[in-house]
């Protein structure tokens, strides 16, 4: 199921909600069009009633996704530097290096 904001524009959803509030379209028909459940539908209607002019189904993330903290990144780089020294050390005979085991 795709996200609502990716399938429809704000104006399309506004028009459907306006027509529902005027009694022109049934709720179940709109739910089928938008592919949403009853709870989500009434959340949208409530949001529209509170402020019709600024109603929007678009959203922005509050924080960046797939990021790690700087302290975590520093620790990872530190561990990788230690492993690099072990690999490059000629006194330690290595024919191959298994990166998968290094992460365990």
PDB file of N, CA and C in Angstrom:
ATOM      1  N   UNK A   1       0.843  -1.173   0.000  1.00  0.00           N
ATOM      2  CA  UNK A   1       0.000   0.000   0.000  1.00  0.00           C
ATOM      3  C   UNK A   1       0.889   1.236   0.000  1.00  0.00           C
ATOM      4  N   UNK A   2       0.687   2.112  -0.956  1.00  0.00           N
ATOM      5  CA  UNK A   2       1.493   3.322  -1.079  1.00  0.00           C
ATOM      6  C   UNK A   2       1.018   4.369  -0.075  1.00  0.00           C
ATOM      7  N   UNK A   3       1.871   5.296   0.198  1.00  0.00           N
ATOM      8  CA  UNK A   3       1.520   6.379   1.112  1.00  0.00           C
ATOM      9  C   UNK A   3       0.503   7.308   0.470  1.00  0.00           C
ATOM     10  N   UNK A   4      -0.393   7.851   1.277  1.00  0.00           N
ATOM     11  CA  UNK A   4      -1.457   8.714   0.785  1.00  0.00           C
ATOM     12  C   UNK A   4      -0.903   9.948   0.082  1.00  0.00           C
ATOM     13  N   UNK A   5       0.136  10.542   0.662  1.00  0.00           N
ATOM     14  CA  UNK A   5       0.697  11.769   0.085  1.00  0.00           C
ATOM     15  C   UNK A   5       1.424  11.510  -1.232  1.00  0.00           C
ATOM     16  N   UNK A   6       1.733  10.256  -1.530  1.00  0.00           N
ATOM     17  CA  UNK A   6       2.400   9.936  -2.791  1.00  0.00           C
ATOM     18  C   UNK A   6       1.395   9.647  -3.898  1.00  0.00           C
ATOM     19  N   UNK A   7       0.170   9.260  -3.511  1.00  0.00           N
ATOM     20  CA  UNK A   7      -0.845   8.899  -4.499  1.00  0.00           C
ATOM     21  C   UNK A   7      -1.772  10.062  -4.854  1.00  0.00           C
ATOM     22  N   UNK A   8      -1.969  10.994  -3.927  1.00  0.00           N
ATOM     23  CA  UNK A   8      -2.935  12.068  -4.132  1.00  0.00           C
ATOM     24  C   UNK A   8      -2.334  13.416  -3.748  1.00  0.00           C
ATOM     25  N   UNK A   9      -2.868  14.466  -4.377  1.00  0.00           N
ATOM     26  CA  UNK A   9      -2.455  15.819  -4.012  1.00  0.00           C
ATOM     27  C   UNK A   9      -3.353  16.318  -2.895  1.00  0.00           C
ATOM     28  N   UNK A  10      -2.933  17.396  -2.271  1.00  0.00           N
ATOM     29  CA  UNK A  10      -3.751  18.009  -1.220  1.00  0.00           C
ATOM     30  C   UNK A  10      -5.119  18.404  -1.756  1.00  0.00           C
ATOM     31  N   UNK A  11      -5.142  18.994  -2.944  1.00  0.00           N
ATOM     32  CA  UNK A  11      -6.400  19.466  -3.520  1.00  0.00           C
ATOM     33  C   UNK A  11      -7.368  18.319  -3.805  1.00  0.00           C
ATOM     34  N   UNK A  12      -6.855  17.186  -4.243  1.00  0.00           N
ATOM     35  CA  UNK A  12      -7.716  16.042  -4.515  1.00  0.00           C
ATOM     36  C   UNK A  12      -8.380  15.540  -3.232  1.00  0.00           C
ATOM     37  N   UNK A  13      -7.611  15.449  -2.174  1.00  0.00           N
ATOM     38  CA  UNK A  13      -8.149  14.974  -0.899  1.00  0.00           C
ATOM     39  C   UNK A  13      -9.114  16.005  -0.324  1.00  0.00           C
ATOM     40  N   UNK A  14      -8.754  17.299  -0.444  1.00  0.00           N
ATOM     41  CA  UNK A  14      -9.653  18.362   0.031  1.00  0.00           C
ATOM     42  C   UNK A  14     -11.009  18.278  -0.650  1.00  0.00           C
ATOM     43  N   UNK A  15     -10.989  18.095  -1.943  1.00  0.00           N
ATOM     44  CA  UNK A  15     -12.240  18.038  -2.704  1.00  0.00           C
ATOM     45  C   UNK A  15     -13.094  16.859  -2.251  1.00  0.00           C
ATOM     46  N   UNK A  16     -12.479  15.714  -2.056  1.00  0.00           N
ATOM     47  CA  UNK A  16     -13.224  14.543  -1.598  1.00  0.00           C
ATOM     48  C   UNK A  16     -13.838  14.779  -0.218  1.00  0.00           C
ATOM     49  N   UNK A  17     -13.062  15.377   0.677  1.00  0.00           N
ATOM     50  CA  UNK A  17     -13.567  15.637   2.032  1.00  0.00           C
ATOM     51  C   UNK A  17     -14.692  16.671   1.991  1.00  0.00           C
ATOM     52  N   UNK A  18     -14.536  17.713   1.192  1.00  0.00           N
ATOM     53  CA  UNK A  18     -15.593  18.727   1.060  1.00  0.00           C
ATOM     54  C   UNK A  18     -16.881  18.089   0.555  1.00  0.00           C
ATOM     55  N   UNK A  19     -16.765  17.224  -0.437  1.00  0.00           N
ATOM     56  CA  UNK A  19     -17.950  16.565  -0.990  1.00  0.00           C
ATOM     57  C   UNK A  19     -18.579  15.627   0.040  1.00  0.00           C
ATOM     58  N   UNK A  20     -17.764  15.014   0.878  1.00  0.00           N
ATOM     59  CA  UNK A  20     -18.293  14.169   1.951  1.00  0.00           C
ATOM     60  C   UNK A  20     -19.060  15.021   2.954  1.00  0.00           C
ATOM     61  N   UNK A  21     -18.475  16.158   3.343  1.00  0.00           N
ATOM     62  CA  UNK A  21     -19.119  17.026   4.329  1.00  0.00           C
ATOM     63  C   UNK A  21     -20.421  17.623   3.805  1.00  0.00           C
ATOM     64  N   UNK A  22     -20.524  17.817   2.504  1.00  0.00           N
ATOM     65  CA  UNK A  22     -21.760  18.316   1.897  1.00  0.00           C
ATOM     66  C   UNK A  22     -22.783  17.199   1.711  1.00  0.00           C
ATOM     67  N   UNK A  23     -22.377  15.959   1.916  1.00  0.00           N
ATOM     68  CA  UNK A  23     -23.278  14.821   1.773  1.00  0.00           C
ATOM     69  C   UNK A  23     -23.408  14.310   0.354  1.00  0.00           C
ATOM     70  N   UNK A  24     -22.481  14.687  -0.514  1.00  0.00           N
ATOM     71  CA  UNK A  24     -22.535  14.264  -1.914  1.00  0.00           C
ATOM     72  C   UNK A  24     -21.943  12.874  -2.126  1.00  0.00           C
ATOM     73  N   UNK A  25     -20.982  12.492  -1.289  1.00  0.00           N
ATOM     74  CA  UNK A  25     -20.297  11.204  -1.437  1.00  0.00           C
ATOM     75  C   UNK A  25     -20.321  10.479  -0.094  1.00  0.00           C
ATOM     76  N   UNK A  26     -20.466   9.178  -0.145  1.00  0.00           N
ATOM     77  CA  UNK A  26     -20.435   8.379   1.082  1.00  0.00           C
ATOM     78  C   UNK A  26     -19.006   8.155   1.548  1.00  0.00           C
ATOM     79  N   UNK A  27     -18.875   8.001   2.859  1.00  0.00           N
ATOM     80  CA  UNK A  27     -17.563   7.796   3.470  1.00  0.00           C
ATOM     81  C   UNK A  27     -16.874   6.555   2.915  1.00  0.00           C
ATOM     82  N   UNK A  28     -17.583   5.465   2.793  1.00  0.00           N
ATOM     83  CA  UNK A  28     -16.964   4.204   2.340  1.00  0.00           C
ATOM     84  C   UNK A  28     -16.411   4.330   0.929  1.00  0.00           C
ATOM     85  N   UNK A  29     -17.090   5.104   0.090  1.00  0.00           N
ATOM     86  CA  UNK A  29     -16.612   5.311  -1.279  1.00  0.00           C
ATOM     87  C   UNK A  29     -15.282   6.060  -1.272  1.00  0.00           C
ATOM     88  N   UNK A  30     -15.184   7.088  -0.439  1.00  0.00           N
ATOM     89  CA  UNK A  30     -13.942   7.862  -0.339  1.00  0.00           C
ATOM     90  C   UNK A  30     -12.824   6.992   0.229  1.00  0.00           C
ATOM     91  N   UNK A  31     -13.146   6.192   1.232  1.00  0.00           N
ATOM     92  CA  UNK A  31     -12.143   5.288   1.806  1.00  0.00           C
ATOM     93  C   UNK A  31     -11.610   4.328   0.753  1.00  0.00           C
ATOM     94  N   UNK A  32     -12.489   3.836  -0.100  1.00  0.00           N
ATOM     95  CA  UNK A  32     -12.050   2.938  -1.171  1.00  0.00           C
ATOM     96  C   UNK A  32     -11.138   3.658  -2.162  1.00  0.00           C
ATOM     97  N   UNK A  33     -11.472   4.891  -2.475  1.00  0.00           N
ATOM     98  CA  UNK A  33     -10.651   5.667  -3.409  1.00  0.00           C
ATOM     99  C   UNK A  33      -9.265   5.932  -2.814  1.00  0.00           C
ATOM    100  N   UNK A  34      -9.252   6.395  -1.564  1.00  0.00           N
ATOM    101  CA  UNK A  34      -7.991   6.756  -0.917  1.00  0.00           C
ATOM    102  C   UNK A  34      -7.240   5.537  -0.372  1.00  0.00           C
ATOM    103  N   UNK A  35      -7.898   4.399  -0.311  1.00  0.00           N
ATOM    104  CA  UNK A  35      -7.345   3.165   0.247  1.00  0.00           C
ATOM    105  C   UNK A  35      -6.878   3.411   1.689  1.00  0.00           C
ATOM    106  N   UNK A  36      -7.819   3.899   2.505  1.00  0.00           N
ATOM    107  CA  UNK A  36      -7.550   4.140   3.919  1.00  0.00           C
ATOM    108  C   UNK A  36      -8.665   3.518   4.742  1.00  0.00           C
ATOM    109  N   UNK A  37      -8.423   3.388   6.029  1.00  0.00           N
ATOM    110  CA  UNK A  37      -9.421   2.831   6.933  1.00  0.00           C
ATOM    111  C   UNK A  37     -10.248   3.963   7.547  1.00  0.00           C
ATOM    112  N   UNK A  38     -11.281   3.563   8.254  1.00  0.00           N
ATOM    113  CA  UNK A  38     -12.231   4.515   8.842  1.00  0.00           C
ATOM    114  C   UNK A  38     -11.536   5.494   9.787  1.00  0.00           C
ATOM    115  N   UNK A  39     -10.655   4.992  10.622  1.00  0.00           N
ATOM    116  CA  UNK A  39      -9.957   5.846  11.595  1.00  0.00           C
ATOM    117  C   UNK A  39      -9.133   6.935  10.887  1.00  0.00           C
ATOM    118  N   UNK A  40      -8.375   6.538   9.889  1.00  0.00           N
ATOM    119  CA  UNK A  40      -7.554   7.504   9.138  1.00  0.00           C
ATOM    120  C   UNK A  40      -8.433   8.532   8.431  1.00  0.00           C
ATOM    121  N   UNK A  41      -9.562   8.075   7.911  1.00  0.00           N
ATOM    122  CA  UNK A  41     -10.472   8.988   7.232  1.00  0.00           C
ATOM    123  C   UNK A  41     -10.948  10.080   8.178  1.00  0.00           C
ATOM    124  N   UNK A  42     -11.385   9.696   9.378  1.00  0.00           N
ATOM    125  CA  UNK A  42     -11.897  10.691  10.310  1.00  0.00           C
ATOM    126  C   UNK A  42     -10.801  11.587  10.882  1.00  0.00           C
ATOM    127  N   UNK A  43      -9.588  11.097  10.934  1.00  0.00           N
ATOM    128  CA  UNK A  43      -8.462  11.961  11.320  1.00  0.00           C
ATOM    129  C   UNK A  43      -8.271  13.045  10.261  1.00  0.00           C
ATOM    130  N   UNK A  44      -8.366  12.673   8.985  1.00  0.00           N
ATOM    131  CA  UNK A  44      -8.244  13.658   7.902  1.00  0.00           C
ATOM    132  C   UNK A  44      -9.396  14.659   7.940  1.00  0.00           C
ATOM    133  N   UNK A  45     -10.619  14.182   8.186  1.00  0.00           N
ATOM    134  CA  UNK A  45     -11.780  15.074   8.247  1.00  0.00           C
ATOM    135  C   UNK A  45     -11.617  16.054   9.403  1.00  0.00           C
ATOM    136  N   UNK A  46     -11.181  15.572  10.549  1.00  0.00           N
ATOM    137  CA  UNK A  46     -10.969  16.446  11.710  1.00  0.00           C
ATOM    138  C   UNK A  46      -9.918  17.506  11.401  1.00  0.00           C
ATOM    139  N   UNK A  47      -8.827  17.076  10.800  1.00  0.00           N
ATOM    140  CA  UNK A  47      -7.759  18.009  10.438  1.00  0.00           C
ATOM    141  C   UNK A  47      -8.265  19.060   9.444  1.00  0.00           C
ATOM    142  N   UNK A  48      -9.077  18.626   8.500  1.00  0.00           N
ATOM    143  CA  UNK A  48      -9.628  19.555   7.511  1.00  0.00           C
ATOM    144  C   UNK A  48     -10.576  20.546   8.174  1.00  0.00           C
ATOM    145  N   UNK A  49     -11.428  20.078   9.077  1.00  0.00           N
ATOM    146  CA  UNK A  49     -12.384  20.968   9.757  1.00  0.00           C
ATOM    147  C   UNK A  49     -11.681  21.997  10.618  1.00  0.00           C
ATOM    148  N   UNK A  50     -10.582  21.621  11.257  1.00  0.00           N
ATOM    149  CA  UNK A  50      -9.857  22.538  12.129  1.00  0.00           C
ATOM    150  C   UNK A  50      -9.246  23.695  11.353  1.00  0.00           C
ATOM    151  N   UNK A  51      -8.720  23.407  10.163  1.00  0.00           N
ATOM    152  CA  UNK A  51      -8.102  24.476   9.382  1.00  0.00           C
ATOM    153  C   UNK A  51      -8.121  24.103   7.899  1.00  0.00           C
ATOM    154  N   UNK A  52      -9.230  24.409   7.201  1.00  0.00           N
ATOM    155  CA  UNK A  52      -9.354  24.006   5.802  1.00  0.00           C
ATOM    156  C   UNK A  52      -8.332  24.652   4.862  1.00  0.00           C
ATOM    157  N   UNK A  53      -7.927  25.875   5.164  1.00  0.00           N
ATOM    158  CA  UNK A  53      -6.997  26.581   4.258  1.00  0.00           C
ATOM    159  C   UNK A  53      -5.596  25.994   4.293  1.00  0.00           C
ATOM    160  N   UNK A  54      -5.165  25.545   5.456  1.00  0.00           N
ATOM    161  CA  UNK A  54      -3.803  25.008   5.545  1.00  0.00           C
ATOM    162  C   UNK A  54      -3.787  23.484   5.599  1.00  0.00           C
ATOM    163  N   UNK A  55      -4.893  22.840   5.294  1.00  0.00           N
ATOM    164  CA  UNK A  55      -4.969  21.383   5.303  1.00  0.00           C
ATOM    165  C   UNK A  55      -3.978  20.809   4.296  1.00  0.00           C
ATOM    166  N   UNK A  56      -3.242  19.795   4.729  1.00  0.00           N
ATOM    167  CA  UNK A  56      -2.267  19.157   3.855  1.00  0.00           C
ATOM    168  C   UNK A  56      -2.050  17.717   4.299  1.00  0.00           C
ATOM    169  N   UNK A  57      -1.852  16.845   3.334  1.00  0.00           N
ATOM    170  CA  UNK A  57      -1.504  15.461   3.649  1.00  0.00           C
ATOM    171  C   UNK A  57      -0.001  15.246   3.533  1.00  0.00           C
ATOM    172  N   UNK A  58       0.726  16.268   3.110  1.00  0.00           N
ATOM    173  CA  UNK A  58       2.180  16.187   2.990  1.00  0.00           C
ATOM    174  C   UNK A  58       2.791  16.271   4.381  1.00  0.00           C
ATOM    175  N   UNK A  59       3.953  15.703   4.546  1.00  0.00           N
ATOM    176  CA  UNK A  59       4.644  15.802   5.820  1.00  0.00           C
ATOM    177  C   UNK A  59       6.142  15.840   5.578  1.00  0.00           C
ATOM    178  N   UNK A  60       6.841  16.313   6.571  1.00  0.00           N
ATOM    179  CA  UNK A  60       8.305  16.290   6.515  1.00  0.00           C
ATOM    180  C   UNK A  60       8.795  15.592   7.769  1.00  0.00           C
ATOM    181  N   UNK A  61       9.882  14.927   7.651  1.00  0.00           N
ATOM    182  CA  UNK A  61      10.424  14.193   8.796  1.00  0.00           C
ATOM    183  C   UNK A  61      11.014  15.168   9.801  1.00  0.00           C
ATOM    184  N   UNK A  62      10.866  14.799  11.058  1.00  0.00           N
ATOM    185  CA  UNK A  62      11.397  15.648  12.120  1.00  0.00           C
ATOM    186  C   UNK A  62      12.908  15.502  12.246  1.00  0.00           C
ATOM    187  N   UNK A  63      13.397  14.330  11.904  1.00  0.00           N
ATOM    188  CA  UNK A  63      14.837  14.101  11.977  1.00  0.00           C
ATOM    189  C   UNK A  63      15.275  13.324  10.742  1.00  0.00           C
ATOM    190  N   UNK A  64      16.542  13.372  10.469  1.00  0.00           N
ATOM    191  CA  UNK A  64      17.076  12.641   9.328  1.00  0.00           C
ATOM    192  C   UNK A  64      17.003  11.151   9.591  1.00  0.00           C
ATOM    193  N   UNK A  65      16.786  10.411   8.519  1.00  0.00           N
ATOM    194  CA  UNK A  65      16.732   8.961   8.667  1.00  0.00           C
ATOM    195  C   UNK A  65      18.096   8.366   8.362  1.00  0.00           C
ATOM    196  N   UNK A  66      18.284   7.176   8.854  1.00  0.00           N
ATOM    197  CA  UNK A  66      19.508   6.416   8.615  1.00  0.00           C
ATOM    198  C   UNK A  66      20.780   7.177   9.004  1.00  0.00           C
ATOM    199  N   UNK A  67      20.743   7.795  10.132  1.00  0.00           N
ATOM    200  CA  UNK A  67      21.940   8.467  10.625  1.00  0.00           C
ATOM    201  C   UNK A  67      22.341   7.841  11.955  1.00  0.00           C
ATOM    202  N   UNK A  68      23.611   7.959  12.260  1.00  0.00           N
ATOM    203  CA  UNK A  68      24.095   7.486  13.546  1.00  0.00           C
ATOM    204  C   UNK A  68      24.733   8.673  14.261  1.00  0.00           C
ATOM    205  N   UNK A  69      24.848   8.571  15.555  1.00  0.00           N
ATOM    206  CA  UNK A  69      25.434   9.665  16.322  1.00  0.00           C
ATOM    207  C   UNK A  69      26.929   9.772  16.024  1.00  0.00           C
ATOM    208  N   UNK A  70      27.468  10.938  16.302  1.00  0.00           N
ATOM    209  CA  UNK A  70      28.901  11.143  16.031  1.00  0.00           C
ATOM    210  C   UNK A  70      29.765  10.255  16.909  1.00  0.00           C
ATOM    211  N   UNK A  71      29.344  10.023  18.139  1.00  0.00           N
ATOM    212  CA  UNK A  71      30.141   9.166  19.025  1.00  0.00           C
ATOM    213  C   UNK A  71      30.169   7.730  18.493  1.00  0.00           C
ATOM    214  N   UNK A  72      29.054   7.262  17.970  1.00  0.00           N
ATOM    215  CA  UNK A  72      29.009   5.913  17.385  1.00  0.00           C
ATOM    216  C   UNK A  72      29.914   5.842  16.165  1.00  0.00           C
ATOM    217  N   UNK A  73      29.849   6.867  15.337  1.00  0.00           N
ATOM    218  CA  UNK A  73      30.692   6.892  14.140  1.00  0.00           C
ATOM    219  C   UNK A  73      32.173   6.896  14.519  1.00  0.00           C
ATOM    220  N   UNK A  74      32.534   7.657  15.542  1.00  0.00           N
ATOM    221  CA  UNK A  74      33.930   7.690  15.991  1.00  0.00           C
ATOM    222  C   UNK A  74      34.381   6.313  16.467  1.00  0.00           C
ATOM    223  N   UNK A  75      33.516   5.636  17.218  1.00  0.00           N
ATOM    224  CA  UNK A  75      33.864   4.291  17.703  1.00  0.00           C
ATOM    225  C   UNK A  75      34.040   3.311  16.552  1.00  0.00           C
ATOM    226  N   UNK A  76      33.188   3.394  15.559  1.00  0.00           N
ATOM    227  CA  UNK A  76      33.304   2.516  14.390  1.00  0.00           C
ATOM    228  C   UNK A  76      34.619   2.760  13.667  1.00  0.00           C
ATOM    229  N   UNK A  77      34.941   4.032  13.448  1.00  0.00           N
ATOM    230  CA  UNK A  77      36.198   4.367  12.764  1.00  0.00           C
ATOM    231  C   UNK A  77      37.412   3.925  13.574  1.00  0.00           C
ATOM    232  N   UNK A  78      37.316   4.045  14.897  1.00  0.00           N
ATOM    233  CA  UNK A  78      38.412   3.608  15.763  1.00  0.00           C
ATOM    234  C   UNK A  78      38.623   2.102  15.644  1.00  0.00           C
ATOM    235  N   UNK A  79      37.536   1.333  15.687  1.00  0.00           N
ATOM    236  CA  UNK A  79      37.632  -0.121  15.560  1.00  0.00           C
ATOM    237  C   UNK A  79      38.153  -0.529  14.181  1.00  0.00           C
ATOM    238  N   UNK A  80      37.714   0.161  13.149  1.00  0.00           N
ATOM    239  CA  UNK A  80      38.206  -0.137  11.798  1.00  0.00           C
ATOM    240  C   UNK A  80      39.697   0.155  11.678  1.00  0.00           C
ATOM    241  N   UNK A  81      40.160   1.220  12.326  1.00  0.00           N
ATOM    242  CA  UNK A  81      41.594   1.546  12.291  1.00  0.00           C
ATOM    243  C   UNK A  81      42.410   0.456  12.985  1.00  0.00           C
ATOM    244  N   UNK A  82      41.872  -0.075  14.085  1.00  0.00           N
ATOM    245  CA  UNK A  82      42.568  -1.153  14.799  1.00  0.00           C
ATOM    246  C   UNK A  82      42.672  -2.385  13.905  1.00  0.00           C
ATOM    247  N   UNK A  83      41.568  -2.733  13.251  1.00  0.00           N
ATOM    248  CA  UNK A  83      41.570  -3.900  12.369  1.00  0.00           C
ATOM    249  C   UNK A  83      42.493  -3.687  11.166  1.00  0.00           C
ATOM    250  N   UNK A  84      42.558  -2.458  10.673  1.00  0.00           N
ATOM    251  CA  UNK A  84      43.434  -2.173   9.537  1.00  0.00           C
ATOM    252  C   UNK A  84      44.892  -2.400   9.930  1.00  0.00           C
ATOM    253  N   UNK A  85      45.246  -1.970  11.129  1.00  0.00           N
ATOM    254  CA  UNK A  85      46.616  -2.178  11.602  1.00  0.00           C
ATOM    255  C   UNK A  85      46.933  -3.666  11.695  1.00  0.00           C
ATOM    256  N   UNK A  86      45.970  -4.458  12.163  1.00  0.00           N
ATOM    257  CA  UNK A  86      46.181  -5.906  12.256  1.00  0.00           C
ATOM    258  C   UNK A  86      46.367  -6.525  10.875  1.00  0.00           C
ATOM    259  N   UNK A  87      45.589  -6.071   9.915  1.00  0.00           N
ATOM    260  CA  UNK A  87      45.676  -6.613   8.561  1.00  0.00           C
ATOM    261  C   UNK A  87      47.006  -6.243   7.915  1.00  0.00           C
ATOM    262  N   UNK A  88      47.411  -5.004   8.110  1.00  0.00           N
ATOM    263  CA  UNK A  88      48.637  -4.522   7.467  1.00  0.00           C
ATOM    264  C   UNK A  88      49.909  -4.950   8.196  1.00  0.00           C
ATOM    265  N   UNK A  89      49.803  -5.457   9.397  1.00  0.00           N
ATOM    266  CA  UNK A  89      50.964  -5.892  10.167  1.00  0.00           C
ATOM    267  C   UNK A  89      51.558  -7.152   9.528  1.00  0.00           C
ATOM    268  N   UNK A  90      52.770  -7.026   9.053  1.00  0.00           N
ATOM    269  CA  UNK A  90      53.423  -8.140   8.371  1.00  0.00           C
ATOM    270  C   UNK A  90      53.841  -9.241   9.337  1.00  0.00           C
ATOM    271  N   UNK A  91      53.917  -8.942  10.620  1.00  0.00           N
ATOM    272  CA  UNK A  91      54.298  -9.943  11.612  1.00  0.00           C
ATOM    273  C   UNK A  91      53.171 -10.950  11.840  1.00  0.00           C
ATOM    274  N   UNK A  92      51.962 -10.581  11.489  1.00  0.00           N
ATOM    275  CA  UNK A  92      50.811 -11.480  11.636  1.00  0.00           C
ATOM    276  C   UNK A  92      50.536 -12.095  10.269  1.00  0.00           C
ATOM    277  N   UNK A  93      50.738 -13.417  10.133  1.00  0.00           N
ATOM    278  CA  UNK A  93      50.536 -14.050   8.826  1.00  0.00           C
ATOM    279  C   UNK A  93      49.031 -14.212   8.520  1.00  0.00           C
ATOM    280  N   UNK A  94      48.590 -13.457   7.539  1.00  0.00           N
ATOM    281  CA  UNK A  94      47.197 -13.548   7.090  1.00  0.00           C
ATOM    282  C   UNK A  94      47.163 -13.878   5.614  1.00  0.00           C
ATOM    283  N   UNK A  95      46.453 -14.922   5.262  1.00  0.00           N
ATOM    284  CA  UNK A  95      46.272 -15.224   3.843  1.00  0.00           C
ATOM    285  C   UNK A  95      45.011 -14.548   3.315  1.00  0.00           C
ATOM    286  N   UNK A  96      44.020 -14.468   4.185  1.00  0.00           N
ATOM    287  CA  UNK A  96      42.775 -13.780   3.821  1.00  0.00           C
ATOM    288  C   UNK A  96      42.164 -13.196   5.093  1.00  0.00           C
ATOM    289  N   UNK A  97      41.225 -12.322   4.914  1.00  0.00           N
ATOM    290  CA  UNK A  97      40.594 -11.684   6.069  1.00  0.00           C
ATOM    291  C   UNK A  97      39.087 -11.791   5.910  1.00  0.00           C
ATOM    292  N   UNK A  98      38.424 -12.271   6.935  1.00  0.00           N
ATOM    293  CA  UNK A  98      36.984 -12.435   6.907  1.00  0.00           C
ATOM    294  C   UNK A  98      36.340 -11.248   7.614  1.00  0.00           C
ATOM    295  N   UNK A  99      35.802 -10.308   6.826  1.00  0.00           N
ATOM    296  CA  UNK A  99      35.189  -9.124   7.413  1.00  0.00           C
ATOM    297  C   UNK A  99      33.923  -9.471   8.206  1.00  0.00           C
ATOM    298  N   UNK A 100      33.263 -10.511   7.791  1.00  0.00           N
ATOM    299  CA  UNK A 100      32.030 -10.912   8.468  1.00  0.00           C
ATOM    300  C   UNK A 100      32.307 -11.302   9.914  1.00  0.00           C
ATOM    301  N   UNK A 101      33.387 -12.012  10.162  1.00  0.00           N
ATOM    302  CA  UNK A 101      33.735 -12.413  11.526  1.00  0.00           C
ATOM    303  C   UNK A 101      34.199 -11.221  12.344  1.00  0.00           C
ATOM    304  N   UNK A 102      34.777 -10.227  11.703  1.00  0.00           N
ATOM    305  CA  UNK A 102      35.264  -9.063  12.417  1.00  0.00           C
ATOM    306  C   UNK A 102      34.120  -8.271  13.036  1.00  0.00           C
ATOM    307  N   UNK A 103      32.937  -8.357  12.441  1.00  0.00           N
ATOM    308  CA  UNK A 103      31.796  -7.603  12.942  1.00  0.00           C
ATOM    309  C   UNK A 103      31.120  -8.302  14.123  1.00  0.00           C
ATOM    310  N   UNK A 104      31.389  -9.586  14.311  1.00  0.00           N
ATOM    311  CA  UNK A 104      30.727 -10.331  15.389  1.00  0.00           C
ATOM    312  C   UNK A 104      31.327 -10.056  16.718  1.00  0.00           C
TER     313      UNK A 104
END
